[in-house]
Amino acid sequence: MNIFQNLQGFNFREGFFASIPLLISYAEIHFHLKFLFPKYYRKEPEIITDIPIRIIKNSMRTIPLLIIVKDADLFPVIINSIQVNIEGKNKRFSQNFSIKKEIKDKYFSQIIDINVLEFEADQYLEIIAKLDVEINNKTKIVINDNFPDLLAKPYKVFYAHEPLPLPEKWYAGEPHYHSIHTADQVEFGADIKSTAKLARAMGLSWLFITDHSYDLDDSLTSCIKNDANLPIWKQMQEDVVKCDSKELKIIPGEEVSIGNSKAENVHMLAINHEKFIEGYGDSAEKWFKNKPQHSLTEIKKLNEENNLFIAAHPIEKIPFMQRLTLRRGNWSKEDFNASGINILQIINSAEKNNIKCAVKSWKELLLNGHRYYLIAGNDAHGNFNVMRQIKTPFWKLFSSQKQVFGQFYTAFKNKENQPIAGLKNGEIIVSNGPFLTFNLKIGNEFFPIGSNCKCRKANLMIENRTSIEFGKITKISTFIGDYHSNKETEIENPEYNYELELPEFGYIRMSLETKNGGVAITNPVWIG
């Protein structure tokens, strides 16, 4: 959820100018600028429901429906009941839940477990939540959320019989996610306890909590005032410890705003780093005070066995107003080298164009001789099925599935579910569902993705899997990157044990597509 808060003591002058570069991105229904009220302004708290995009029947007998109420301390609300309508291919029915709860909290959440045992597995279910609420002494029906003018579309959930089609010792997860501890003028996420339950229901094995550095240093009473004791950072760490489990490994982190070679603010994921890394250059907390506090050149000396640093959406296009007012920029080759970071979260949403541009940029880096590992995340702010945003500032909202939790995941192979060790090992794929990996066989020796070999011929040993949700595999491609020619050669649909002619120096990588839009991309085996 990306939402402006109507904070007590909000400084209008700073709040107004800080909001300008961000207004196009985020949605809220009770933020306003002095005498300027948006068309969608309401004297109500945000009331939001959400649901995972996928549920695994064998691990969950119910579908968890998340209810979030935000800023009810300003606008109290009573939730009387919820009616949930579920429709499948050959069946539909409703369930009613009595809530009878008055809410006056700044943040409230509850999960309702929807019984779906009557439905057959391996089909999409459409779900609508109707909430009977009382706001300002008036009864109101809220369908899915109370954002004005948004069309109340049913949530679409795939009710899968089996888990994601991953072999043993492969673990899928979400490396870039914002929880409730990302809370400022413009956005917030969901609480970690609720997130953990929805992630387990989806069949994920691990999760990084990556809240903004410029939120984690705030005081408990104001998002534009810092607290040197870091109470929010400490609370996030405590929440992670409480919710971490063997079934779902949760690791704390932060999305650090840090300086690139041009002294612009770029974002880096610092995972399991013991000390807080300060970074508020692009926080919009103070007008024109936007210089980075730290530089990527400092990161090499912070590397330890148990922490991990990742380039967050390093090539994402930065809007002009954010470049101008927040001093935001992109990563360069110099930045990767200076920081020593070789894991790049280039895929930042599940949109086809995003994936296409991401892979193209990654390919260019590979062909220049750089060993960079591709990972995928969604940068979701508590969005599990849909995200709500502003389309026209102060006038129109819209919803999309651009950045939804777990929609495009990263998976690694490791003897145990240890995400940091697994990602550092380099045997990594990214996917929105199907599975693909390969080994190069040279004699009796096998070289997995992420490894290095020296030979001019090898046999391609492919392993791939799909499921009913993603459909039949329609295309498998092998890409041979040659450093000398600075080109990739594509071989379509190679057979198992296909003999490859290898370049003297380069790499081999693969991708897969399925009938229902499934995509899987491997990292390379490097040659020479």
Protein backbone atom coordinates (compact mmCIF):
# COMPACT_ATOMS: atom_id res chain seq x y z
CA MET A 1 0.00 0.00 0.00
CA ASN A 2 1.34 3.41 -0.92
CA ILE A 3 -0.50 5.97 1.10
CA PHE A 4 -0.07 9.55 2.36
CA GLN A 5 -0.47 9.91 6.09
CA ASN A 6 -2.37 12.86 7.56
CA LEU A 7 0.07 13.38 10.43
CA GLN A 8 -0.53 15.58 13.44
CA GLY A 9 1.99 18.39 13.46
CA PHE A 10 2.62 17.94 9.72
CA ASN A 11 4.66 20.92 8.50
CA PHE A 12 2.70 22.28 5.54
CA ARG A 13 5.62 23.99 3.82
CA GLU A 14 7.94 20.99 4.02
CA GLY A 15 5.09 18.55 3.48
CA PHE A 16 3.87 20.33 0.37
CA PHE A 17 7.24 20.48 -1.39
CA ALA A 18 8.26 17.00 -0.26
CA SER A 19 5.04 15.63 -1.71
CA ILE A 20 5.36 17.16 -5.18
CA PRO A 21 7.76 14.60 -6.75
CA LEU A 22 5.80 11.68 -5.28
CA LEU A 23 2.20 12.64 -5.98
CA ILE A 24 2.03 10.81 -9.27
CA SER A 25 2.94 7.49 -7.68
CA TYR A 26 0.93 6.98 -4.53
CA ALA A 27 -2.68 6.88 -3.36
CA GLU A 28 -4.48 8.13 -0.25
CA ILE A 29 -7.98 9.34 0.52
CA HIS A 30 -7.59 11.85 3.34
CA PHE A 31 -4.32 13.68 2.58
CA HIS A 32 -4.74 17.25 1.38
CA LEU A 33 -2.66 20.39 1.01
CA LYS A 34 -4.06 23.19 3.22
CA PHE A 35 -7.08 24.37 1.20
CA LEU A 36 -6.51 22.02 -1.75
CA PHE A 37 -8.59 18.85 -1.47
CA PRO A 38 -8.32 15.94 -3.94
CA LYS A 39 -11.43 14.78 -5.76
CA TYR A 40 -11.03 11.43 -4.00
CA TYR A 41 -10.71 13.01 -0.52
CA ARG A 42 -12.79 11.32 2.18
CA LYS A 43 -12.93 11.75 5.95
CA GLU A 44 -12.32 8.03 6.37
CA PRO A 45 -9.49 5.69 7.28
CA GLU A 46 -8.10 3.54 4.49
CA ILE A 47 -9.95 0.21 4.56
CA ILE A 48 -8.18 -2.35 2.42
CA THR A 49 -8.54 -6.08 1.87
CA ASP A 50 -6.03 -8.22 0.06
CA ILE A 51 -5.37 -11.84 -0.78
CA PRO A 52 -2.46 -13.88 -2.22
CA ILE A 53 -2.25 -14.48 -5.97
CA ARG A 54 -1.75 -18.19 -5.33
CA ILE A 55 -2.74 -20.69 -2.61
CA ILE A 56 -1.31 -24.18 -2.23
CA LYS A 57 -4.12 -26.58 -1.27
CA ASN A 58 -1.83 -29.20 0.28
CA SER A 59 -0.43 -26.68 2.77
CA MET A 60 -3.51 -24.47 3.26
CA ARG A 61 -7.10 -25.66 3.58
CA THR A 62 -8.31 -22.08 3.58
CA ILE A 63 -7.54 -18.83 1.76
CA PRO A 64 -6.32 -16.02 4.04
CA LEU A 65 -8.10 -12.71 3.44
CA LEU A 66 -6.14 -9.81 4.93
CA ILE A 67 -8.01 -6.79 6.26
CA ILE A 68 -6.06 -3.59 6.96
CA VAL A 69 -7.43 -0.38 8.45
CA LYS A 70 -5.03 2.58 8.41
CA ASP A 71 -5.35 5.86 10.35
CA ALA A 72 -8.42 4.91 12.35
CA ASP A 73 -6.92 6.98 15.17
CA LEU A 74 -7.96 9.96 13.05
CA PHE A 75 -11.20 8.46 11.71
CA PRO A 76 -12.62 5.66 13.93
CA VAL A 77 -14.57 2.90 12.23
CA ILE A 78 -16.73 -0.04 13.24
CA ILE A 79 -16.54 -3.22 11.14
CA ASN A 80 -19.79 -5.11 11.67
CA SER A 81 -19.41 -8.02 9.29
CA ILE A 82 -17.80 -9.30 6.11
CA GLN A 83 -19.42 -11.25 3.29
CA VAL A 84 -17.00 -13.12 1.03
CA ASN A 85 -18.25 -14.25 -2.40
CA ILE A 86 -16.23 -16.98 -4.13
CA GLU A 87 -16.72 -18.19 -7.69
CA GLY A 88 -14.95 -21.02 -9.50
CA LYS A 89 -15.52 -22.81 -12.79
CA ASN A 90 -18.57 -24.78 -11.70
CA LYS A 91 -19.43 -23.48 -8.26
CA ARG A 92 -20.07 -20.29 -6.33
CA PHE A 93 -21.01 -19.56 -2.74
CA SER A 94 -20.79 -16.95 0.00
CA GLN A 95 -19.45 -16.96 3.54
CA ASN A 96 -20.41 -14.48 6.24
CA PHE A 97 -18.16 -13.45 9.11
CA SER A 98 -19.35 -11.45 12.10
CA ILE A 99 -16.66 -9.01 13.27
CA LYS A 100 -18.38 -6.42 15.52
CA LYS A 101 -15.21 -4.48 16.22
CA GLU A 102 -14.62 -0.79 16.79
CA ILE A 103 -11.21 0.30 15.49
CA LYS A 104 -9.39 3.40 16.71
CA ASP A 105 -5.82 2.33 16.02
CA LYS A 106 -3.33 3.92 13.66
CA TYR A 107 -2.83 0.48 12.10
CA PHE A 108 -5.10 -2.54 12.44
CA SER A 109 -4.99 -5.87 10.64
CA GLN A 110 -6.88 -9.14 10.81
CA ILE A 111 -6.85 -12.29 8.70
CA ILE A 112 -10.11 -14.06 7.86
CA ASP A 113 -9.69 -17.71 6.80
CA ILE A 114 -12.00 -18.51 3.87
CA ASN A 115 -13.05 -22.14 3.52
CA VAL A 116 -12.54 -23.32 -0.07
CA LEU A 117 -12.53 -27.11 0.41
CA GLU A 118 -15.67 -27.41 -1.71
CA PHE A 119 -13.73 -26.21 -4.75
CA GLU A 120 -11.58 -28.44 -6.91
CA ALA A 121 -7.91 -27.53 -7.03
CA ASP A 122 -5.94 -26.25 -10.05
CA GLN A 123 -8.35 -23.52 -11.03
CA TYR A 124 -8.68 -19.75 -10.64
CA LEU A 125 -11.10 -18.51 -8.03
CA GLU A 126 -12.62 -15.04 -8.12
CA ILE A 127 -13.23 -13.50 -4.71
CA ILE A 128 -15.01 -10.34 -3.59
CA ALA A 129 -15.07 -9.07 0.00
CA LYS A 130 -18.01 -6.90 1.12
CA LEU A 131 -17.51 -5.15 4.44
CA ASP A 132 -20.41 -3.71 6.43
CA VAL A 133 -18.88 -0.74 8.27
CA GLU A 134 -19.90 2.34 10.23
CA ILE A 135 -17.98 5.58 9.67
CA ASN A 136 -19.06 8.97 11.02
CA ASN A 137 -22.23 7.33 12.39
CA LYS A 138 -23.25 6.19 8.92
CA THR A 139 -23.47 2.64 7.62
CA LYS A 140 -21.52 1.89 4.45
CA ILE A 141 -20.74 -1.16 2.29
CA VAL A 142 -17.09 -1.35 1.29
CA ILE A 143 -16.24 -3.69 -1.60
CA ASN A 144 -12.58 -4.80 -1.41
CA ASP A 145 -11.46 -1.28 -0.42
CA ASN A 146 -12.88 2.19 0.18
CA PHE A 147 -10.84 4.01 -2.46
CA PRO A 148 -13.26 6.25 -4.43
CA ASP A 149 -13.75 5.66 -8.15
CA LEU A 150 -11.77 2.39 -8.23
CA LEU A 151 -13.68 -0.38 -10.00
CA ALA A 152 -14.25 -3.22 -7.53
CA LYS A 153 -12.75 -6.07 -9.54
CA PRO A 154 -12.75 -9.59 -8.04
CA TYR A 155 -9.47 -10.82 -6.64
CA LYS A 156 -8.10 -13.58 -8.84
CA VAL A 157 -6.45 -16.45 -6.96
CA PHE A 158 -5.02 -19.66 -8.35
CA TYR A 159 -5.99 -22.55 -6.06
CA ALA A 160 -3.12 -24.95 -6.75
CA HIS A 161 -3.13 -28.61 -5.81
CA GLU A 162 0.66 -28.82 -5.58
CA PRO A 163 3.44 -26.37 -4.62
CA LEU A 164 5.49 -24.45 -7.16
CA PRO A 165 7.23 -26.91 -9.53
CA LEU A 166 10.63 -26.77 -7.81
CA PRO A 167 12.92 -29.78 -7.32
CA GLU A 168 14.21 -30.74 -3.89
CA LYS A 169 16.79 -28.36 -2.37
CA TRP A 170 15.48 -25.39 -4.40
CA TYR A 171 13.98 -22.56 -2.37
CA ALA A 172 11.85 -19.72 -3.78
CA GLY A 173 11.40 -16.38 -2.08
CA GLU A 174 10.92 -12.61 -2.19
CA PRO A 175 14.10 -10.50 -1.80
CA HIS A 176 12.53 -7.00 -1.87
CA TYR A 177 9.51 -6.30 0.34
CA HIS A 178 8.33 -3.35 2.44
CA SER A 179 6.51 -3.97 5.71
CA ILE A 180 4.56 -1.65 8.01
CA HIS A 181 7.92 -0.23 9.13
CA THR A 182 8.08 1.58 5.81
CA ALA A 183 5.73 4.35 6.89
CA ASP A 184 6.15 7.97 5.85
CA GLN A 185 4.42 10.80 3.96
CA VAL A 186 3.73 8.55 1.00
CA GLU A 187 3.60 4.84 1.72
CA PHE A 188 3.26 1.91 4.08
CA GLY A 189 3.31 -1.88 3.93
CA ALA A 190 1.64 -4.70 5.85
CA ASP A 191 2.66 -6.04 9.24
CA ILE A 192 5.25 -8.83 9.19
CA LYS A 193 3.04 -11.37 11.01
CA SER A 194 0.31 -11.14 8.35
CA THR A 195 2.89 -11.10 5.56
CA ALA A 196 4.42 -14.33 6.87
CA LYS A 197 1.07 -16.14 6.83
CA LEU A 198 0.28 -15.04 3.27
CA ALA A 199 3.80 -15.94 2.07
CA ARG A 200 3.51 -19.45 3.54
CA ALA A 201 0.10 -19.87 1.91
CA MET A 202 1.72 -19.06 -1.46
CA GLY A 203 4.37 -21.73 -0.99
CA LEU A 204 7.37 -19.42 -0.62
CA SER A 205 10.32 -20.49 1.53
CA TRP A 206 12.07 -17.22 2.40
CA LEU A 207 11.60 -13.46 2.60
CA PHE A 208 13.78 -10.39 3.06
CA ILE A 209 12.22 -7.42 4.89
CA THR A 210 13.72 -4.36 3.18
CA ASP A 211 12.18 -1.25 4.66
CA HIS A 212 13.53 2.17 3.67
CA SER A 213 16.50 3.47 5.61
CA TYR A 214 14.82 6.87 5.74
CA ASP A 215 11.80 5.33 7.50
CA LEU A 216 13.70 3.06 9.88
CA ASP A 217 15.41 6.07 11.50
CA ASP A 218 12.15 7.93 12.24
CA SER A 219 10.67 8.67 15.63
CA LEU A 220 7.54 6.85 16.73
CA THR A 221 5.47 10.03 16.54
CA SER A 222 6.56 11.65 13.27
CA CYS A 223 7.87 10.45 9.94
CA ILE A 224 9.77 13.73 9.38
CA LYS A 225 11.64 13.61 12.71
CA ASN A 226 14.48 11.19 13.36
CA ASP A 227 15.29 9.34 16.58
CA ALA A 228 18.91 8.42 17.27
CA ASN A 229 17.75 5.44 19.34
CA LEU A 230 16.23 3.87 16.20
CA PRO A 231 13.03 2.50 17.81
CA ILE A 232 11.49 1.56 14.43
CA TRP A 233 14.63 -0.26 13.26
CA LYS A 234 14.67 -2.19 16.56
CA GLN A 235 10.96 -3.01 16.33
CA MET A 236 11.41 -4.35 12.80
CA GLN A 237 14.22 -6.61 14.00
CA GLU A 238 12.06 -7.89 16.87
CA ASP A 239 9.10 -8.55 14.56
CA VAL A 240 11.33 -10.59 12.24
CA VAL A 241 12.61 -12.74 15.13
CA LYS A 242 9.03 -13.44 16.25
CA CYS A 243 7.83 -14.42 12.77
CA ASP A 244 10.87 -16.29 11.46
CA SER A 245 10.35 -20.04 11.19
CA LYS A 246 11.82 -23.15 9.67
CA GLU A 247 8.99 -23.18 7.12
CA LEU A 248 9.50 -19.53 6.11
CA LYS A 249 12.94 -18.05 6.68
CA ILE A 250 12.57 -14.29 7.29
CA ILE A 251 15.69 -12.12 7.34
CA PRO A 252 15.80 -8.42 8.30
CA GLY A 253 17.28 -5.82 6.02
CA GLU A 254 16.90 -2.29 4.78
CA GLU A 255 16.65 -0.53 1.45
CA VAL A 256 19.43 1.99 1.86
CA SER A 257 19.50 5.30 0.01
CA ILE A 258 23.18 5.65 -0.80
CA GLY A 259 25.41 7.73 -3.07
CA ASN A 260 26.61 6.58 -6.49
CA SER A 261 29.69 7.85 -8.36
CA LYS A 262 27.78 11.04 -9.27
CA ALA A 263 26.70 11.64 -5.66
CA GLU A 264 23.12 10.77 -6.61
CA ASN A 265 20.82 8.70 -4.42
CA VAL A 266 20.52 5.07 -5.51
CA HIS A 267 19.04 2.15 -3.58
CA MET A 268 20.84 -0.87 -2.15
CA LEU A 269 19.43 -3.80 -0.17
CA ALA A 270 21.50 -4.47 2.95
CA ILE A 271 20.44 -7.89 4.23
CA ASN A 272 21.22 -9.10 7.75
CA HIS A 273 23.71 -6.28 8.33
CA GLU A 274 24.23 -5.96 12.07
CA LYS A 275 24.36 -2.16 12.18
CA PHE A 276 21.89 0.33 10.75
CA ILE A 277 23.15 2.17 7.65
CA GLU A 278 21.97 5.77 7.59
CA GLY A 279 20.45 7.04 4.34
CA TYR A 280 17.83 9.78 3.97
CA GLY A 281 19.03 11.71 0.92
CA ASP A 282 15.86 11.04 -1.10
CA SER A 283 13.46 10.86 1.84
CA ALA A 284 11.67 14.13 0.90
CA GLU A 285 11.74 14.98 4.60
CA LYS A 286 13.44 18.33 4.05
CA TRP A 287 13.22 20.44 0.90
CA PHE A 288 16.48 20.41 -1.13
CA LYS A 289 18.44 18.58 1.60
CA ASN A 290 19.00 15.59 -0.63
CA LYS A 291 22.70 14.68 -0.57
CA PRO A 292 23.56 11.03 0.20
CA GLN A 293 24.98 10.31 3.66
CA HIS A 294 27.14 7.39 2.48
CA SER A 295 28.75 6.19 -0.74
CA LEU A 296 28.84 2.83 -2.48
CA THR A 297 32.63 3.02 -2.21
CA GLU A 298 32.22 2.24 1.52
CA ILE A 299 30.43 -1.07 1.02
CA LYS A 300 33.34 -3.42 0.25
CA LYS A 301 34.73 -3.08 3.77
CA LEU A 302 31.32 -3.97 5.27
CA ASN A 303 31.10 -7.40 3.61
CA GLU A 304 30.86 -10.31 6.04
CA GLU A 305 29.93 -13.97 5.69
CA ASN A 306 26.48 -13.52 7.19
CA ASN A 307 25.37 -10.34 5.42
CA LEU A 308 24.52 -9.59 1.82
CA PHE A 309 24.38 -6.45 -0.32
CA ILE A 310 22.20 -6.25 -3.42
CA ALA A 311 21.78 -3.54 -6.06
CA ALA A 312 18.07 -2.63 -5.90
CA HIS A 313 16.35 -1.93 -9.25
CA PRO A 314 19.64 -0.44 -10.58
CA ILE A 315 18.39 0.40 -14.09
CA GLU A 316 14.84 1.55 -13.33
CA LYS A 317 13.82 4.74 -15.12
CA ILE A 318 13.76 7.68 -12.69
CA PRO A 319 10.99 10.28 -13.22
CA PHE A 320 12.31 13.75 -13.98
CA MET A 321 10.79 15.34 -10.86
CA GLN A 322 12.46 12.73 -8.64
CA ARG A 323 15.81 13.37 -10.32
CA LEU A 324 15.35 17.10 -9.83
CA THR A 325 14.02 17.26 -6.29
CA LEU A 326 15.21 14.00 -4.70
CA ARG A 327 18.57 13.74 -6.49
CA ARG A 328 17.77 10.16 -7.52
CA GLY A 329 19.89 8.37 -10.11
CA ASN A 330 20.87 4.97 -11.47
CA TRP A 331 23.71 2.56 -10.89
CA SER A 332 26.65 2.49 -13.33
CA LYS A 333 29.39 -0.06 -13.99
CA GLU A 334 31.66 2.10 -11.85
CA ASP A 335 29.21 1.74 -8.96
CA PHE A 336 29.09 -2.06 -9.23
CA ASN A 337 32.87 -2.21 -9.25
CA ALA A 338 33.34 0.31 -6.44
CA SER A 339 30.88 -1.47 -4.15
CA GLY A 340 31.89 -5.02 -5.04
CA ILE A 341 28.20 -5.88 -5.41
CA ASN A 342 27.54 -8.57 -8.01
CA ILE A 343 23.92 -9.53 -7.21
CA LEU A 344 21.54 -7.27 -9.11
CA GLN A 345 17.80 -7.09 -8.50
CA ILE A 346 17.18 -5.81 -12.02
CA ILE A 347 13.70 -7.34 -12.31
CA ASN A 348 11.51 -5.19 -10.06
CA SER A 349 8.01 -6.16 -11.19
CA ALA A 350 6.29 -8.88 -13.20
CA GLU A 351 5.40 -6.65 -16.16
CA LYS A 352 6.55 -8.07 -19.51
CA ASN A 353 8.21 -4.84 -20.60
CA ASN A 354 10.04 -4.60 -17.28
CA ILE A 355 11.38 -8.12 -17.68
CA LYS A 356 12.39 -7.55 -21.30
CA CYS A 357 14.30 -4.34 -20.50
CA ALA A 358 15.86 -5.90 -17.41
CA VAL A 359 17.22 -8.92 -19.28
CA LYS A 360 18.50 -6.70 -22.10
CA SER A 361 20.44 -4.52 -19.66
CA TRP A 362 21.79 -7.55 -17.82
CA LYS A 363 22.89 -9.11 -21.13
CA GLU A 364 24.85 -5.98 -22.01
CA LEU A 365 26.67 -6.17 -18.69
CA LEU A 366 27.43 -9.87 -19.20
CA LEU A 367 28.79 -9.34 -22.71
CA ASN A 368 31.19 -6.74 -21.33
CA GLY A 369 32.77 -9.47 -19.23
CA HIS A 370 31.09 -8.74 -15.89
CA ARG A 371 29.96 -11.57 -13.62
CA TYR A 372 26.69 -10.26 -12.30
CA TYR A 373 23.96 -12.50 -10.91
CA LEU A 374 20.36 -11.69 -11.81
CA ILE A 375 17.68 -11.84 -9.13
CA ALA A 376 14.02 -10.75 -9.22
CA GLY A 377 11.85 -9.00 -6.67
CA ASN A 378 8.60 -7.07 -6.68
CA ASP A 379 9.21 -4.07 -4.40
CA ALA A 380 5.72 -4.69 -3.00
CA HIS A 381 4.46 -2.43 -0.23
CA GLY A 382 1.98 -4.85 1.30
CA ASN A 383 0.40 -5.56 -2.11
CA PHE A 384 -0.55 -9.23 -2.41
CA ASN A 385 -3.09 -9.21 -5.23
CA VAL A 386 -3.43 -5.61 -6.37
CA MET A 387 -1.76 -2.24 -5.83
CA ARG A 388 -3.63 1.06 -5.68
CA GLN A 389 -2.07 4.25 -7.02
CA ILE A 390 -2.71 7.80 -8.19
CA LYS A 391 -3.19 8.20 -11.93
CA THR A 392 -3.84 11.96 -12.03
CA PRO A 393 -2.73 13.93 -8.94
CA PHE A 394 -5.69 15.14 -6.87
CA TRP A 395 -8.10 13.78 -9.46
CA LYS A 396 -8.01 10.07 -10.30
CA LEU A 397 -6.84 6.76 -8.78
CA PHE A 398 -6.16 3.44 -10.48
CA SER A 399 -5.24 -0.12 -9.56
CA SER A 400 -2.81 -2.54 -11.19
CA GLN A 401 -0.78 -5.70 -10.60
CA LYS A 402 2.54 -4.07 -11.43
CA GLN A 403 4.23 -4.84 -8.12
CA VAL A 404 2.58 -7.71 -6.26
CA PHE A 405 4.24 -9.80 -3.57
CA GLY A 406 5.90 -12.99 -4.83
CA GLN A 407 4.63 -12.60 -8.38
CA PHE A 408 8.17 -12.90 -9.77
CA TYR A 409 10.36 -14.88 -7.38
CA THR A 410 14.03 -15.71 -6.96
CA ALA A 411 15.04 -19.32 -6.27
CA PHE A 412 18.39 -20.78 -5.23
CA LYS A 413 19.74 -24.28 -4.78
CA ASN A 414 21.34 -25.10 -1.45
CA LYS A 415 21.56 -28.00 0.97
CA GLU A 416 19.39 -26.01 3.42
CA ASN A 417 16.99 -23.07 3.28
CA GLN A 418 19.68 -20.46 4.00
CA PRO A 419 18.98 -17.55 1.61
CA ILE A 420 22.20 -15.59 2.13
CA ALA A 421 24.44 -18.62 1.64
CA GLY A 422 22.26 -19.80 -1.26
CA LEU A 423 22.39 -16.50 -3.12
CA LYS A 424 26.12 -16.09 -2.54
CA ASN A 425 26.65 -19.57 -3.98
CA GLY A 426 25.22 -18.33 -7.29
CA GLU A 427 23.05 -21.27 -8.37
CA ILE A 428 20.08 -18.96 -8.90
CA ILE A 429 17.08 -18.71 -11.23
CA VAL A 430 14.24 -16.18 -11.46
CA SER A 431 10.69 -17.07 -12.47
CA ASN A 432 7.01 -16.20 -12.23
CA GLY A 433 6.18 -19.88 -11.81
CA PRO A 434 7.85 -22.56 -13.99
CA PHE A 435 11.28 -24.00 -13.28
CA LEU A 436 14.43 -24.24 -15.40
CA THR A 437 18.04 -25.09 -14.65
CA PHE A 438 20.94 -26.77 -16.43
CA ASN A 439 24.42 -28.19 -16.01
CA LEU A 440 27.27 -28.34 -18.49
CA LYS A 441 28.68 -31.86 -18.61
CA ILE A 442 32.35 -32.12 -19.55
CA GLY A 443 33.52 -35.72 -19.39
CA ASN A 444 32.26 -36.99 -16.04
CA GLU A 445 32.20 -33.54 -14.44
CA PHE A 446 29.11 -31.33 -14.08
CA PHE A 447 29.16 -27.53 -13.91
CA PRO A 448 25.96 -25.94 -12.48
CA ILE A 449 24.78 -22.39 -13.09
CA GLY A 450 26.91 -19.91 -11.21
CA SER A 451 30.08 -21.91 -11.76
CA ASN A 452 33.04 -21.56 -14.13
CA CYS A 453 34.56 -24.04 -16.60
CA LYS A 454 37.30 -24.12 -19.23
CA CYS A 455 36.52 -26.19 -22.29
CA ARG A 456 35.50 -25.74 -25.93
CA LYS A 457 32.79 -28.45 -25.96
CA ALA A 458 30.20 -29.53 -23.41
CA ASN A 459 26.89 -31.36 -23.20
CA LEU A 460 23.82 -29.42 -22.06
CA MET A 461 21.93 -31.20 -19.28
CA ILE A 462 18.56 -29.45 -18.90
CA GLU A 463 15.98 -29.81 -16.12
CA ASN A 464 12.62 -28.07 -16.46
CA ARG A 465 9.19 -28.28 -14.83
CA THR A 466 5.82 -26.62 -15.14
CA SER A 467 2.31 -27.09 -13.76
CA ILE A 468 -1.32 -26.64 -14.76
CA GLU A 469 -1.22 -23.03 -13.59
CA PHE A 470 1.56 -22.06 -16.00
CA GLY A 471 0.73 -24.44 -18.83
CA LYS A 472 2.79 -26.38 -21.33
CA ILE A 473 6.35 -25.31 -22.05
CA THR A 474 6.36 -23.61 -25.46
CA LYS A 475 9.98 -22.49 -25.81
CA ILE A 476 13.37 -23.14 -24.26
CA SER A 477 16.32 -21.02 -25.35
CA THR A 478 20.04 -21.41 -24.79
CA PHE A 479 22.12 -18.25 -25.13
CA ILE A 480 25.84 -18.47 -25.82
CA GLY A 481 27.59 -15.22 -24.96
CA ASP A 482 30.96 -14.61 -26.62
CA TYR A 483 33.17 -11.86 -25.19
CA HIS A 484 35.28 -11.59 -28.36
CA SER A 485 32.34 -10.91 -30.70
CA ASN A 486 30.31 -9.15 -27.98
CA LYS A 487 27.23 -11.08 -29.14
CA GLU A 488 24.84 -13.74 -27.93
CA THR A 489 23.84 -16.71 -30.11
CA GLU A 490 20.45 -18.29 -29.41
CA ILE A 491 19.70 -21.99 -29.80
CA GLU A 492 15.97 -22.71 -29.61
CA ASN A 493 14.57 -25.84 -27.97
CA PRO A 494 17.82 -27.81 -27.61
CA GLU A 495 17.44 -31.46 -26.72
CA TYR A 496 18.68 -32.94 -23.46
CA ASN A 497 22.40 -33.79 -23.71
CA TYR A 498 22.78 -31.37 -26.65
CA GLU A 499 26.45 -30.83 -27.54
CA LEU A 500 27.49 -27.18 -27.39
CA GLU A 501 30.41 -25.43 -29.03
CA LEU A 502 31.70 -23.08 -26.34
CA PRO A 503 33.48 -19.78 -26.83
CA GLU A 504 36.98 -19.31 -25.49
CA PHE A 505 35.67 -16.66 -23.09
CA GLY A 506 31.98 -16.08 -22.39
CA TYR A 507 29.00 -17.72 -20.75
CA ILE A 508 25.95 -19.95 -21.26
CA ARG A 509 22.51 -19.02 -19.91
CA MET A 510 18.97 -20.24 -20.57
CA SER A 511 15.34 -19.11 -20.51
CA LEU A 512 11.94 -20.79 -20.73
CA GLU A 513 8.41 -19.74 -21.68
CA THR A 514 5.06 -21.45 -21.15
CA LYS A 515 1.62 -21.28 -22.73
CA ASN A 516 0.07 -19.31 -19.85
CA GLY A 517 2.74 -16.63 -19.68
CA GLY A 518 5.23 -18.43 -17.47
CA VAL A 519 8.84 -17.28 -17.66
CA ALA A 520 12.00 -18.69 -16.10
CA ILE A 521 15.53 -17.32 -16.55
CA THR A 522 18.74 -18.91 -15.31
CA ASN A 523 21.99 -17.32 -14.33
CA PRO A 524 25.03 -18.30 -16.44
CA VAL A 525 27.76 -20.85 -16.38
CA TRP A 526 30.87 -18.83 -17.20
CA ILE A 527 33.43 -20.06 -19.73
CA GLY A 528 37.14 -19.41 -19.41
